[in-house]
């Protein structure tokens, strides 16, 4: 069970068919696809949670690139106009 929050980097790209794909160099195995950036991030969050739970259930170490969340995170935010 996850009792700590973690941060990691996520890349989002727009696919030719109009959907979005999220992946992470920091968190191998994380891939999520959605209709909007927001939906894609929400799915990526759920995938990350399930991956962390799987690591913990199997006694595997978490990826070293995961950083415990403290009280501040900095995000680059894309805004369309």
Protein backbone atom coordinates (compact mmCIF):
# COMPACT_ATOMS: atom_id res chain seq x y z
CA UNK A 1 0.00 0.00 0.00
CA UNK A 2 1.32 3.43 -0.96
CA UNK A 3 1.88 5.60 2.10
CA UNK A 4 4.24 8.11 0.48
CA UNK A 5 3.68 10.35 -2.54
CA UNK A 6 6.33 10.48 -5.23
CA UNK A 7 7.22 12.79 -8.10
CA UNK A 8 8.71 11.87 -11.45
CA UNK A 9 8.97 13.41 -14.91
CA UNK A 10 6.39 12.67 -17.60
CA UNK A 11 6.58 13.48 -21.30
CA UNK A 12 3.35 14.04 -23.23
CA UNK A 13 3.20 14.05 -26.99
CA UNK A 14 0.32 14.63 -29.35
CA UNK A 15 -0.19 11.70 -31.68
CA UNK A 16 -1.03 12.15 -35.38
CA UNK A 17 -4.58 10.84 -34.81
CA UNK A 18 -5.18 13.58 -32.22
CA UNK A 19 -4.81 11.65 -28.96
CA UNK A 20 -2.02 12.16 -26.42
CA UNK A 21 0.61 9.73 -25.18
CA UNK A 22 2.39 9.97 -21.82
CA UNK A 23 5.60 8.14 -20.98
CA UNK A 24 8.42 8.56 -18.51
CA UNK A 25 12.17 8.11 -18.73
CA UNK A 26 12.12 8.22 -14.91
CA UNK A 27 9.56 5.43 -14.52
CA UNK A 28 10.01 2.53 -16.93
CA UNK A 29 6.73 0.86 -17.84
CA UNK A 30 4.63 3.98 -17.49
CA UNK A 31 2.63 4.54 -20.67
CA UNK A 32 -0.77 6.21 -20.86
CA UNK A 33 -2.96 7.42 -23.72
CA UNK A 34 -5.94 9.77 -23.59
CA UNK A 35 -8.12 12.15 -25.58
CA UNK A 36 -6.88 15.26 -23.76
CA UNK A 37 -3.72 16.22 -21.88
CA UNK A 38 -5.72 16.25 -18.64
CA UNK A 39 -7.17 12.79 -19.24
CA UNK A 40 -3.75 11.45 -20.22
CA UNK A 41 -2.19 12.79 -17.00
CA UNK A 42 -5.01 11.29 -14.94
CA UNK A 43 -4.45 7.89 -16.57
CA UNK A 44 -0.66 8.22 -16.11
CA UNK A 45 -1.25 8.93 -12.40
CA UNK A 46 -3.36 5.77 -12.07
CA UNK A 47 -0.78 3.70 -13.95
CA UNK A 48 2.01 5.03 -11.71
CA UNK A 49 0.02 4.16 -8.58
CA UNK A 50 -0.57 0.61 -9.83
CA UNK A 51 3.10 0.19 -10.77
CA UNK A 52 4.22 1.38 -7.31
CA UNK A 53 1.73 -0.98 -5.65
CA UNK A 54 3.07 -3.85 -7.78
CA UNK A 55 6.68 -3.03 -6.84
CA UNK A 56 5.71 -2.99 -3.16
CA UNK A 57 3.65 -6.21 -3.34
CA UNK A 58 6.54 -8.08 -4.95
CA UNK A 59 9.19 -6.57 -2.67
CA UNK A 60 10.97 -4.95 -5.61
CA UNK A 61 12.84 -1.67 -5.12
CA UNK A 62 11.16 1.40 -6.55
CA UNK A 63 12.93 3.10 -9.47
CA UNK A 64 15.69 5.29 -8.08
CA UNK A 65 14.41 8.24 -10.12
CA UNK A 66 11.19 8.45 -8.06
CA UNK A 67 11.51 11.29 -5.59
CA UNK A 68 9.44 11.53 -2.42
CA UNK A 69 7.04 14.47 -2.62
CA UNK A 70 7.78 17.03 0.04
CA UNK A 71 5.68 20.18 0.01
CA UNK A 72 6.40 21.70 -3.38
CA UNK A 73 6.56 20.64 -7.01
CA UNK A 74 7.36 22.72 -10.09
CA UNK A 75 5.47 21.98 -13.31
CA UNK A 76 5.74 23.19 -16.88
CA UNK A 77 2.16 23.80 -17.98
CA UNK A 78 1.02 23.99 -21.61
CA UNK A 79 -1.77 26.47 -22.34
CA UNK A 80 -3.46 26.72 -25.71
CA UNK A 81 -4.73 30.06 -26.98
